[in-house]
Amino acid sequence: MDFKPSLLADLGATNARFAISIDGKTYRDSLELKISEYDSMESLCQGYLELIDLKGLKRAVIGVAAPVIADSVSFVNCDLEFSQSKLQSSLFSEGLRVVNDLTLQAHAVNFLKDDELEVIGARLPYLEGPKILVSPGTGLGMAGIIKEEVVSTEAGHLNIPAKIKKEDLDLIIDVFRRKTGRMPTYEDFLSGKGLNFFYRVLSGQEECQLSNEEILLNYNTDSICLEVKDSMNYLYAAYLRYIALAWGALGGVYLVGSITNSLLSDIDNNEFRNIFEDSDTMKGLLRVTSIYRVKPQDLGFRGALKLTRDF
């Protein structure tokens, strides 16, 4: 059967990345748009198609930073909501598939090549078993991969334990509880908003004058930025430990995204692994679980290409 040209879209809570595929094997005309500059999903998709001056495309695969459990889809960290059936009727009459954004990216994990992965710590023998993909961003995404099946989750919304083996984090948790009246989730901290909150608490300032990018880049010249990075990495490794144990992720833990790249740059990989393996009862399992940083930044498009061929 002939492949029908398709829109590929990977939407976080801040940016929407678009491309098209003509053959189901490659993509082209990739652009990134600001979600806040559009008032609906229809206008966002139509805006991209107008920018590349393409008419007649009636098929799409879209990943969204939201749970996809019904016709109506509401984003968690931005003001965007749409109906899948209405979007299909108005723009994509030849086919529409909507999945969680990390689910979309996870469909590409099994096809990654060795040279597209950076091993965190020692290279371990490859083991068969479930894999997990984790991406901190505006929120905290996580998806599981069991053989060829991808499982969407909202594991970023798990609560952080009341006490953690790091003094700075205990302080940050206590401040968060006093300000909000609830326990923080991992997404509250392992995200862009978490970077800003960590800096304000550790510096004692009411407002943070630095952007998230500056916080992550200035660790060599700003001692507070270094404290933020160290505390974030400690929490990141601890979160991966919990999720790896819950999933029995012997197939590996895969980390992706710009915040991941910045957090893991210029760090002691062995220390990160030591935190990850810090379990009194399951150290043996964690020691044989590989952690990888995914180098390519187009997993969403790669996953979308796979899904375009499947429906």
C-alpha atoms as a PDB file:
ATOM      1  CA  MET A   1       0.000   0.000   0.000  1.00  0.00           C
ATOM      2  CA  ASP A   2       1.302   3.473  -0.875  1.00  0.00           C
ATOM      3  CA  PHE A   3       2.382   5.621   2.045  1.00  0.00           C
ATOM      4  CA  LYS A   4       0.311   8.752   2.565  1.00  0.00           C
ATOM      5  CA  PRO A   5       2.239  11.933   3.432  1.00  0.00           C
ATOM      6  CA  SER A   6       1.940  12.651   7.143  1.00  0.00           C
ATOM      7  CA  LEU A   7       2.442  15.405   9.678  1.00  0.00           C
ATOM      8  CA  LEU A   8       4.799  14.500  12.517  1.00  0.00           C
ATOM      9  CA  ALA A   9       4.448  16.516  15.738  1.00  0.00           C
ATOM     10  CA  ASP A  10       6.128  16.336  19.140  1.00  0.00           C
ATOM     11  CA  LEU A  11       4.534  18.796  21.576  1.00  0.00           C
ATOM     12  CA  GLY A  12       5.968  19.537  24.988  1.00  0.00           C
ATOM     13  CA  ALA A  13       4.458  22.095  27.342  1.00  0.00           C
ATOM     14  CA  THR A  14       6.415  25.009  25.832  1.00  0.00           C
ATOM     15  CA  ASN A  15       7.466  24.161  22.286  1.00  0.00           C
ATOM     16  CA  ALA A  16       5.874  22.251  19.420  1.00  0.00           C
ATOM     17  CA  ARG A  17       8.210  20.513  16.997  1.00  0.00           C
ATOM     18  CA  PHE A  18       6.791  19.723  13.553  1.00  0.00           C
ATOM     19  CA  ALA A  19       7.962  17.921  10.432  1.00  0.00           C
ATOM     20  CA  ILE A  20       6.439  16.023   7.531  1.00  0.00           C
ATOM     21  CA  SER A  21       7.180  12.630   6.038  1.00  0.00           C
ATOM     22  CA  ILE A  22       6.529  11.805   2.410  1.00  0.00           C
ATOM     23  CA  ASP A  23       7.819   8.220   2.447  1.00  0.00           C
ATOM     24  CA  GLY A  24       7.440   6.988   6.065  1.00  0.00           C
ATOM     25  CA  LYS A  25      11.201   6.568   6.331  1.00  0.00           C
ATOM     26  CA  THR A  26      12.553  10.116   6.503  1.00  0.00           C
ATOM     27  CA  TYR A  27      11.284  13.509   7.583  1.00  0.00           C
ATOM     28  CA  ARG A  28      11.829  17.035   6.325  1.00  0.00           C
ATOM     29  CA  ASP A  29      10.797  20.683   6.875  1.00  0.00           C
ATOM     30  CA  SER A  30      11.267  20.502  10.649  1.00  0.00           C
ATOM     31  CA  LEU A  31      10.270  23.639  12.566  1.00  0.00           C
ATOM     32  CA  GLU A  32       9.773  24.533  16.228  1.00  0.00           C
ATOM     33  CA  LEU A  33       6.872  26.789  17.236  1.00  0.00           C
ATOM     34  CA  LYS A  34       5.955  28.391  20.569  1.00  0.00           C
ATOM     35  CA  ILE A  35       2.704  26.867  21.828  1.00  0.00           C
ATOM     36  CA  SER A  36       1.784  30.069  23.695  1.00  0.00           C
ATOM     37  CA  GLU A  37       1.600  31.954  20.385  1.00  0.00           C
ATOM     38  CA  TYR A  38      -1.379  29.874  19.185  1.00  0.00           C
ATOM     39  CA  ASP A  39      -4.873  29.611  20.657  1.00  0.00           C
ATOM     40  CA  SER A  40      -5.729  26.020  19.696  1.00  0.00           C
ATOM     41  CA  MET A  41      -4.297  22.755  18.456  1.00  0.00           C
ATOM     42  CA  GLU A  42      -5.955  23.352  15.076  1.00  0.00           C
ATOM     43  CA  SER A  43      -4.321  26.769  14.693  1.00  0.00           C
ATOM     44  CA  LEU A  44      -0.956  25.364  15.789  1.00  0.00           C
ATOM     45  CA  CYS A  45      -1.002  22.573  13.192  1.00  0.00           C
ATOM     46  CA  GLN A  46      -2.434  24.832  10.510  1.00  0.00           C
ATOM     47  CA  GLY A  47       0.156  27.474  11.326  1.00  0.00           C
ATOM     48  CA  TYR A  48       2.978  25.027  10.676  1.00  0.00           C
ATOM     49  CA  LEU A  49       1.467  23.831   7.390  1.00  0.00           C
ATOM     50  CA  GLU A  50       1.089  27.437   6.241  1.00  0.00           C
ATOM     51  CA  LEU A  51       4.705  28.215   7.156  1.00  0.00           C
ATOM     52  CA  ILE A  52       5.954  25.412   4.913  1.00  0.00           C
ATOM     53  CA  ASP A  53       3.284  26.239   2.310  1.00  0.00           C
ATOM     54  CA  LEU A  54       1.846  22.734   2.164  1.00  0.00           C
ATOM     55  CA  LYS A  55      -1.764  21.952   1.314  1.00  0.00           C
ATOM     56  CA  GLY A  56      -3.627  18.671   1.092  1.00  0.00           C
ATOM     57  CA  LEU A  57      -1.918  16.804   3.941  1.00  0.00           C
ATOM     58  CA  LYS A  58      -4.659  14.865   5.755  1.00  0.00           C
ATOM     59  CA  ARG A  59      -2.804  12.480   8.076  1.00  0.00           C
ATOM     60  CA  ALA A  60      -0.881  13.013  11.337  1.00  0.00           C
ATOM     61  CA  VAL A  61       0.890  11.430  14.294  1.00  0.00           C
ATOM     62  CA  ILE A  62       1.065  13.760  17.286  1.00  0.00           C
ATOM     63  CA  GLY A  63       2.792  13.347  20.644  1.00  0.00           C
ATOM     64  CA  VAL A  64       1.479  15.518  23.487  1.00  0.00           C
ATOM     65  CA  ALA A  65       2.700  16.369  26.993  1.00  0.00           C
ATOM     66  CA  ALA A  66      -0.520  15.024  28.483  1.00  0.00           C
ATOM     67  CA  PRO A  67      -2.191  11.744  29.355  1.00  0.00           C
ATOM     68  CA  VAL A  68      -4.194  10.411  26.413  1.00  0.00           C
ATOM     69  CA  ILE A  69      -7.094   8.502  27.937  1.00  0.00           C
ATOM     70  CA  ALA A  70     -10.172   9.929  26.197  1.00  0.00           C
ATOM     71  CA  ASP A  71     -11.211  11.984  23.185  1.00  0.00           C
ATOM     72  CA  SER A  72     -10.514  15.220  25.055  1.00  0.00           C
ATOM     73  CA  VAL A  73      -6.816  15.868  25.712  1.00  0.00           C
ATOM     74  CA  SER A  74      -5.696  18.472  28.280  1.00  0.00           C
ATOM     75  CA  PHE A  75      -2.046  19.429  28.659  1.00  0.00           C
ATOM     76  CA  VAL A  76      -0.678  19.264  32.197  1.00  0.00           C
ATOM     77  CA  ASN A  77       1.755  22.209  32.185  1.00  0.00           C
ATOM     78  CA  CYS A  78       0.238  24.620  29.661  1.00  0.00           C
ATOM     79  CA  ASP A  79      -3.174  25.985  28.722  1.00  0.00           C
ATOM     80  CA  LEU A  80      -3.980  23.787  25.731  1.00  0.00           C
ATOM     81  CA  GLU A  81      -6.884  21.391  25.263  1.00  0.00           C
ATOM     82  CA  PHE A  82      -8.355  19.732  22.192  1.00  0.00           C
ATOM     83  CA  SER A  83     -10.701  17.027  20.960  1.00  0.00           C
ATOM     84  CA  GLN A  84      -9.067  14.272  18.928  1.00  0.00           C
ATOM     85  CA  SER A  85     -12.222  13.617  16.931  1.00  0.00           C
ATOM     86  CA  LYS A  86     -12.694  17.309  16.075  1.00  0.00           C
ATOM     87  CA  LEU A  87      -9.035  17.690  15.108  1.00  0.00           C
ATOM     88  CA  GLN A  88      -9.311  14.667  12.830  1.00  0.00           C
ATOM     89  CA  SER A  89     -12.532  15.944  11.282  1.00  0.00           C
ATOM     90  CA  SER A  90     -11.178  19.434  10.642  1.00  0.00           C
ATOM     91  CA  LEU A  91      -7.615  18.689   9.493  1.00  0.00           C
ATOM     92  CA  PHE A  92      -6.648  15.012   9.352  1.00  0.00           C
ATOM     93  CA  SER A  93      -9.519  13.109   7.762  1.00  0.00           C
ATOM     94  CA  GLU A  94      -7.237  10.338   6.420  1.00  0.00           C
ATOM     95  CA  GLY A  95      -5.936   9.382   9.853  1.00  0.00           C
ATOM     96  CA  LEU A  96      -4.856  10.795  13.225  1.00  0.00           C
ATOM     97  CA  ARG A  97      -2.985   9.118  16.049  1.00  0.00           C
ATOM     98  CA  VAL A  98      -2.353  10.982  19.316  1.00  0.00           C
ATOM     99  CA  VAL A  99      -0.064   9.568  22.014  1.00  0.00           C
ATOM    100  CA  ASN A 100       1.799  10.880  25.045  1.00  0.00           C
ATOM    101  CA  ASP A 101       4.998  12.697  24.022  1.00  0.00           C
ATOM    102  CA  LEU A 102       7.338  10.324  25.892  1.00  0.00           C
ATOM    103  CA  THR A 103       5.410   7.391  24.443  1.00  0.00           C
ATOM    104  CA  LEU A 104       6.103   8.839  21.000  1.00  0.00           C
ATOM    105  CA  GLN A 105       9.831   9.137  21.733  1.00  0.00           C
ATOM    106  CA  ALA A 106       9.971   5.706  23.341  1.00  0.00           C
ATOM    107  CA  HIS A 107       8.932   4.088  20.058  1.00  0.00           C
ATOM    108  CA  ALA A 108      12.401   5.031  18.743  1.00  0.00           C
ATOM    109  CA  VAL A 109      14.466   3.594  21.615  1.00  0.00           C
ATOM    110  CA  ASN A 110      14.779   0.041  20.276  1.00  0.00           C
ATOM    111  CA  PHE A 111      16.287   1.407  17.054  1.00  0.00           C
ATOM    112  CA  LEU A 112      19.063   3.494  18.623  1.00  0.00           C
ATOM    113  CA  LYS A 113      22.593   2.615  17.574  1.00  0.00           C
ATOM    114  CA  ASP A 114      25.486   2.150  20.000  1.00  0.00           C
ATOM    115  CA  ASP A 115      27.217   5.338  18.842  1.00  0.00           C
ATOM    116  CA  GLU A 116      24.030   7.308  19.633  1.00  0.00           C
ATOM    117  CA  LEU A 117      24.277   6.409  23.314  1.00  0.00           C
ATOM    118  CA  GLU A 118      26.646   7.646  26.024  1.00  0.00           C
ATOM    119  CA  VAL A 119      27.066   5.155  28.864  1.00  0.00           C
ATOM    120  CA  ILE A 120      26.854   6.689  32.342  1.00  0.00           C
ATOM    121  CA  GLY A 121      29.498   4.879  34.386  1.00  0.00           C
ATOM    122  CA  ALA A 122      31.019   1.580  33.372  1.00  0.00           C
ATOM    123  CA  ARG A 123      29.756  -0.199  30.245  1.00  0.00           C
ATOM    124  CA  LEU A 124      27.797  -3.246  31.373  1.00  0.00           C
ATOM    125  CA  PRO A 125      26.837  -6.401  29.456  1.00  0.00           C
ATOM    126  CA  TYR A 126      23.570  -6.010  27.540  1.00  0.00           C
ATOM    127  CA  LEU A 127      20.630  -7.680  29.295  1.00  0.00           C
ATOM    128  CA  GLU A 128      17.156  -8.483  28.040  1.00  0.00           C
ATOM    129  CA  GLY A 129      14.352  -6.834  29.951  1.00  0.00           C
ATOM    130  CA  PRO A 130      12.129  -3.757  30.188  1.00  0.00           C
ATOM    131  CA  LYS A 131      13.600  -0.370  29.304  1.00  0.00           C
ATOM    132  CA  ILE A 132      12.591   3.049  30.567  1.00  0.00           C
ATOM    133  CA  LEU A 133      12.903   6.467  28.926  1.00  0.00           C
ATOM    134  CA  VAL A 134      13.030   9.562  31.163  1.00  0.00           C
ATOM    135  CA  SER A 135      13.020  13.238  30.134  1.00  0.00           C
ATOM    136  CA  PRO A 136      12.969  16.254  32.477  1.00  0.00           C
ATOM    137  CA  GLY A 137      11.716  19.401  30.772  1.00  0.00           C
ATOM    138  CA  THR A 138       8.825  21.731  31.523  1.00  0.00           C
ATOM    139  CA  GLY A 139       7.506  18.630  33.279  1.00  0.00           C
ATOM    140  CA  LEU A 140       8.997  15.172  33.908  1.00  0.00           C
ATOM    141  CA  GLY A 141       8.151  12.492  31.349  1.00  0.00           C
ATOM    142  CA  MET A 142       8.646   8.760  31.658  1.00  0.00           C
ATOM    143  CA  ALA A 143       7.656   5.827  29.423  1.00  0.00           C
ATOM    144  CA  GLY A 144       8.329   2.099  29.608  1.00  0.00           C
ATOM    145  CA  ILE A 145       9.307  -0.232  26.774  1.00  0.00           C
ATOM    146  CA  ILE A 146       8.625  -3.970  27.055  1.00  0.00           C
ATOM    147  CA  LYS A 147       9.893  -5.688  23.920  1.00  0.00           C
ATOM    148  CA  GLU A 148       7.948  -3.869  21.148  1.00  0.00           C
ATOM    149  CA  GLU A 149       5.243  -2.452  23.413  1.00  0.00           C
ATOM    150  CA  VAL A 150       5.461   1.080  24.778  1.00  0.00           C
ATOM    151  CA  VAL A 151       3.646   1.960  27.989  1.00  0.00           C
ATOM    152  CA  SER A 152       2.720   5.560  28.799  1.00  0.00           C
ATOM    153  CA  THR A 153       3.043   6.633  32.449  1.00  0.00           C
ATOM    154  CA  GLU A 154       2.672   9.684  34.675  1.00  0.00           C
ATOM    155  CA  ALA A 155       5.451   8.549  37.033  1.00  0.00           C
ATOM    156  CA  GLY A 156       6.751  12.090  37.325  1.00  0.00           C
ATOM    157  CA  HIS A 157       3.815  12.776  39.621  1.00  0.00           C
ATOM    158  CA  LEU A 158       4.974  10.347  42.302  1.00  0.00           C
ATOM    159  CA  ASN A 159       5.614  12.097  45.608  1.00  0.00           C
ATOM    160  CA  ILE A 160       9.177  12.567  46.823  1.00  0.00           C
ATOM    161  CA  PRO A 161       9.823  10.890  50.205  1.00  0.00           C
ATOM    162  CA  ALA A 162       9.667  13.238  53.204  1.00  0.00           C
ATOM    163  CA  LYS A 163      13.341  12.757  54.015  1.00  0.00           C
ATOM    164  CA  ILE A 164      16.253  12.199  51.619  1.00  0.00           C
ATOM    165  CA  LYS A 165      19.897  11.516  52.428  1.00  0.00           C
ATOM    166  CA  LYS A 166      21.001  15.024  51.424  1.00  0.00           C
ATOM    167  CA  GLU A 167      20.719  18.076  53.662  1.00  0.00           C
ATOM    168  CA  ASP A 168      20.078  20.609  50.895  1.00  0.00           C
ATOM    169  CA  LEU A 169      17.217  18.521  49.519  1.00  0.00           C
ATOM    170  CA  ASP A 170      15.627  18.151  52.959  1.00  0.00           C
ATOM    171  CA  LEU A 171      15.673  21.959  53.246  1.00  0.00           C
ATOM    172  CA  ILE A 172      14.151  22.411  49.780  1.00  0.00           C
ATOM    173  CA  ILE A 173      11.413  19.865  50.523  1.00  0.00           C
ATOM    174  CA  ASP A 174      10.562  21.601  53.832  1.00  0.00           C
ATOM    175  CA  VAL A 175      10.326  25.017  52.123  1.00  0.00           C
ATOM    176  CA  PHE A 176       8.112  23.575  49.378  1.00  0.00           C
ATOM    177  CA  ARG A 177       5.769  21.989  51.948  1.00  0.00           C
ATOM    178  CA  ARG A 178       5.435  25.266  53.866  1.00  0.00           C
ATOM    179  CA  LYS A 179       4.705  27.235  50.681  1.00  0.00           C
ATOM    180  CA  THR A 180       2.256  24.797  49.065  1.00  0.00           C
ATOM    181  CA  GLY A 181       0.822  22.710  51.906  1.00  0.00           C
ATOM    182  CA  ARG A 182       1.672  19.440  50.142  1.00  0.00           C
ATOM    183  CA  MET A 183       4.567  17.100  49.466  1.00  0.00           C
ATOM    184  CA  PRO A 184       6.449  17.792  46.216  1.00  0.00           C
ATOM    185  CA  THR A 185       6.306  15.396  43.311  1.00  0.00           C
ATOM    186  CA  TYR A 186       9.413  14.506  41.333  1.00  0.00           C
ATOM    187  CA  GLU A 187       8.052  16.655  38.512  1.00  0.00           C
ATOM    188  CA  ASP A 188       7.919  19.670  40.830  1.00  0.00           C
ATOM    189  CA  PHE A 189      11.703  19.446  41.217  1.00  0.00           C
ATOM    190  CA  LEU A 190      13.124  17.574  38.194  1.00  0.00           C
ATOM    191  CA  SER A 191      11.947  20.189  35.700  1.00  0.00           C
ATOM    192  CA  GLY A 192      12.494  23.764  34.611  1.00  0.00           C
ATOM    193  CA  LYS A 193      10.344  25.081  37.462  1.00  0.00           C
ATOM    194  CA  GLY A 194      12.382  22.953  39.860  1.00  0.00           C
ATOM    195  CA  LEU A 195      15.637  24.582  38.752  1.00  0.00           C
ATOM    196  CA  ASN A 196      14.222  28.016  39.510  1.00  0.00           C
ATOM    197  CA  PHE A 197      12.837  26.919  42.893  1.00  0.00           C
ATOM    198  CA  PHE A 198      16.103  25.237  43.934  1.00  0.00           C
ATOM    199  CA  TYR A 199      18.057  28.401  43.143  1.00  0.00           C
ATOM    200  CA  ARG A 200      15.701  30.648  45.121  1.00  0.00           C
ATOM    201  CA  VAL A 201      15.757  28.393  48.191  1.00  0.00           C
ATOM    202  CA  LEU A 202      19.512  27.814  48.209  1.00  0.00           C
ATOM    203  CA  SER A 203      20.317  31.477  47.567  1.00  0.00           C
ATOM    204  CA  GLY A 204      17.729  32.809  50.010  1.00  0.00           C
ATOM    205  CA  GLN A 205      16.326  35.084  47.304  1.00  0.00           C
ATOM    206  CA  GLU A 206      12.628  35.660  46.687  1.00  0.00           C
ATOM    207  CA  GLU A 207      13.205  35.992  42.951  1.00  0.00           C
ATOM    208  CA  CYS A 208      15.697  34.287  40.649  1.00  0.00           C
ATOM    209  CA  GLN A 209      17.207  36.643  38.089  1.00  0.00           C
ATOM    210  CA  LEU A 210      18.785  33.810  36.093  1.00  0.00           C
ATOM    211  CA  SER A 211      17.137  31.794  33.353  1.00  0.00           C
ATOM    212  CA  ASN A 212      17.112  28.009  33.655  1.00  0.00           C
ATOM    213  CA  GLU A 213      19.785  27.854  30.960  1.00  0.00           C
ATOM    214  CA  GLU A 214      21.995  30.252  32.955  1.00  0.00           C
ATOM    215  CA  ILE A 215      21.538  28.239  36.151  1.00  0.00           C
ATOM    216  CA  LEU A 216      22.697  25.108  34.348  1.00  0.00           C
ATOM    217  CA  LEU A 217      25.599  26.796  32.570  1.00  0.00           C
ATOM    218  CA  ASN A 218      27.034  28.949  35.404  1.00  0.00           C
ATOM    219  CA  TYR A 219      28.073  26.168  37.790  1.00  0.00           C
ATOM    220  CA  ASN A 220      31.764  26.996  37.263  1.00  0.00           C
ATOM    221  CA  THR A 221      31.379  30.629  38.333  1.00  0.00           C
ATOM    222  CA  ASP A 222      28.355  30.667  40.664  1.00  0.00           C
ATOM    223  CA  SER A 223      28.486  28.498  43.800  1.00  0.00           C
ATOM    224  CA  ILE A 224      24.678  28.472  44.100  1.00  0.00           C
ATOM    225  CA  CYS A 225      24.355  27.180  40.531  1.00  0.00           C
ATOM    226  CA  LEU A 226      26.784  24.394  41.444  1.00  0.00           C
ATOM    227  CA  GLU A 227      24.699  23.520  44.534  1.00  0.00           C
ATOM    228  CA  VAL A 228      21.575  23.449  42.367  1.00  0.00           C
ATOM    229  CA  LYS A 229      23.215  21.139  39.842  1.00  0.00           C
ATOM    230  CA  ASP A 230      24.563  18.790  42.540  1.00  0.00           C
ATOM    231  CA  SER A 231      21.202  18.580  44.315  1.00  0.00           C
ATOM    232  CA  MET A 232      19.296  18.077  41.061  1.00  0.00           C
ATOM    233  CA  ASN A 233      21.634  15.278  39.993  1.00  0.00           C
ATOM    234  CA  TYR A 234      21.332  13.580  43.378  1.00  0.00           C
ATOM    235  CA  LEU A 235      17.528  13.653  43.112  1.00  0.00           C
ATOM    236  CA  TYR A 236      17.659  12.572  39.448  1.00  0.00           C
ATOM    237  CA  ALA A 237      19.771   9.505  40.240  1.00  0.00           C
ATOM    238  CA  ALA A 238      17.528   8.626  43.206  1.00  0.00           C
ATOM    239  CA  TYR A 239      14.395   8.931  41.052  1.00  0.00           C
ATOM    240  CA  LEU A 240      15.912   6.676  38.400  1.00  0.00           C
ATOM    241  CA  ARG A 241      16.684   4.120  41.113  1.00  0.00           C
ATOM    242  CA  TYR A 242      13.030   3.969  42.194  1.00  0.00           C
ATOM    243  CA  ILE A 243      11.697   3.785  38.652  1.00  0.00           C
ATOM    244  CA  ALA A 244      14.267   1.190  37.541  1.00  0.00           C
ATOM    245  CA  LEU A 245      13.318  -1.039  40.478  1.00  0.00           C
ATOM    246  CA  ALA A 246       9.585  -0.599  39.856  1.00  0.00           C
ATOM    247  CA  TRP A 247      10.004  -1.590  36.197  1.00  0.00           C
ATOM    248  CA  GLY A 248      12.753  -4.165  36.622  1.00  0.00           C
ATOM    249  CA  ALA A 249      14.548  -2.167  33.925  1.00  0.00           C
ATOM    250  CA  LEU A 250      17.315  -4.637  33.111  1.00  0.00           C
ATOM    251  CA  GLY A 251      17.140  -3.522  29.475  1.00  0.00           C
ATOM    252  CA  GLY A 252      18.449  -0.112  30.509  1.00  0.00           C
ATOM    253  CA  VAL A 253      17.559   3.381  31.686  1.00  0.00           C
ATOM    254  CA  TYR A 254      17.582   5.920  28.819  1.00  0.00           C
ATOM    255  CA  LEU A 255      17.812   9.652  29.516  1.00  0.00           C
ATOM    256  CA  VAL A 256      16.964  12.338  26.970  1.00  0.00           C
ATOM    257  CA  GLY A 257      16.458  16.080  26.598  1.00  0.00           C
ATOM    258  CA  SER A 258      18.274  19.371  27.016  1.00  0.00           C
ATOM    259  CA  ILE A 259      18.014  19.463  30.824  1.00  0.00           C
ATOM    260  CA  THR A 260      19.452  15.952  30.971  1.00  0.00           C
ATOM    261  CA  ASN A 261      22.331  17.012  28.722  1.00  0.00           C
ATOM    262  CA  SER A 262      23.128  20.015  30.917  1.00  0.00           C
ATOM    263  CA  LEU A 263      22.787  18.163  34.229  1.00  0.00           C
ATOM    264  CA  LEU A 264      25.020  15.291  33.120  1.00  0.00           C
ATOM    265  CA  SER A 265      27.734  17.428  31.535  1.00  0.00           C
ATOM    266  CA  ASP A 266      31.017  17.645  33.429  1.00  0.00           C
ATOM    267  CA  ILE A 267      29.966  15.391  36.318  1.00  0.00           C
ATOM    268  CA  ASP A 268      31.461  12.352  38.036  1.00  0.00           C
ATOM    269  CA  ASN A 269      29.575   9.530  36.305  1.00  0.00           C
ATOM    270  CA  ASN A 270      30.691   7.052  38.954  1.00  0.00           C
ATOM    271  CA  GLU A 271      29.199   9.205  41.723  1.00  0.00           C
ATOM    272  CA  PHE A 272      25.914   9.404  39.790  1.00  0.00           C
ATOM    273  CA  ARG A 273      25.893   5.611  39.512  1.00  0.00           C
ATOM    274  CA  ASN A 274      26.712   5.226  43.211  1.00  0.00           C
ATOM    275  CA  ILE A 275      23.607   7.232  44.101  1.00  0.00           C
ATOM    276  CA  PHE A 276      21.582   5.189  41.604  1.00  0.00           C
ATOM    277  CA  GLU A 277      22.828   1.928  43.164  1.00  0.00           C
ATOM    278  CA  ASP A 278      22.304   3.072  46.784  1.00  0.00           C
ATOM    279  CA  SER A 279      19.912   0.344  47.930  1.00  0.00           C
ATOM    280  CA  ASP A 280      20.343  -1.853  50.990  1.00  0.00           C
ATOM    281  CA  THR A 281      18.268  -4.648  49.454  1.00  0.00           C
ATOM    282  CA  MET A 282      18.522  -4.384  45.634  1.00  0.00           C
ATOM    283  CA  LYS A 283      22.070  -3.203  44.972  1.00  0.00           C
ATOM    284  CA  GLY A 284      22.794  -6.355  42.971  1.00  0.00           C
ATOM    285  CA  LEU A 285      20.008  -5.642  40.461  1.00  0.00           C
ATOM    286  CA  LEU A 286      20.893  -1.963  40.161  1.00  0.00           C
ATOM    287  CA  ARG A 287      24.569  -2.733  39.560  1.00  0.00           C
ATOM    288  CA  VAL A 288      23.705  -4.603  36.348  1.00  0.00           C
ATOM    289  CA  THR A 289      21.217  -1.979  35.091  1.00  0.00           C
ATOM    290  CA  SER A 290      22.777   0.257  32.429  1.00  0.00           C
ATOM    291  CA  ILE A 291      22.163   4.006  32.249  1.00  0.00           C
ATOM    292  CA  TYR A 292      22.443   5.755  28.888  1.00  0.00           C
ATOM    293  CA  ARG A 293      22.274   9.380  27.790  1.00  0.00           C
ATOM    294  CA  VAL A 294      20.590   9.504  24.391  1.00  0.00           C
ATOM    295  CA  LYS A 295      22.533  11.817  22.087  1.00  0.00           C
ATOM    296  CA  PRO A 296      20.045  12.402  19.220  1.00  0.00           C
ATOM    297  CA  GLN A 297      17.431  15.057  19.940  1.00  0.00           C
ATOM    298  CA  ASP A 298      14.900  13.899  17.339  1.00  0.00           C
ATOM    299  CA  LEU A 299      13.439  10.837  19.081  1.00  0.00           C
ATOM    300  CA  GLY A 300       9.946  12.282  18.714  1.00  0.00           C
ATOM    301  CA  PHE A 301      10.213  12.424  14.928  1.00  0.00           C
ATOM    302  CA  ARG A 302      11.834   8.977  14.818  1.00  0.00           C
ATOM    303  CA  GLY A 303       9.039   7.504  16.931  1.00  0.00           C
ATOM    304  CA  ALA A 304       6.408   9.263  14.846  1.00  0.00           C
ATOM    305  CA  LEU A 305       7.898   7.778  11.665  1.00  0.00           C
ATOM    306  CA  LYS A 306       7.489   4.306  13.128  1.00  0.00           C
ATOM    307  CA  LEU A 307       3.870   4.989  14.061  1.00  0.00           C
ATOM    308  CA  THR A 308       3.061   6.424  10.629  1.00  0.00           C
ATOM    309  CA  ARG A 309       4.026   3.070   9.139  1.00  0.00           C
ATOM    310  CA  ASP A 310       1.821   1.180  11.616  1.00  0.00           C
ATOM    311  CA  PHE A 311      -1.568   2.686  10.784  1.00  0.00           C
END
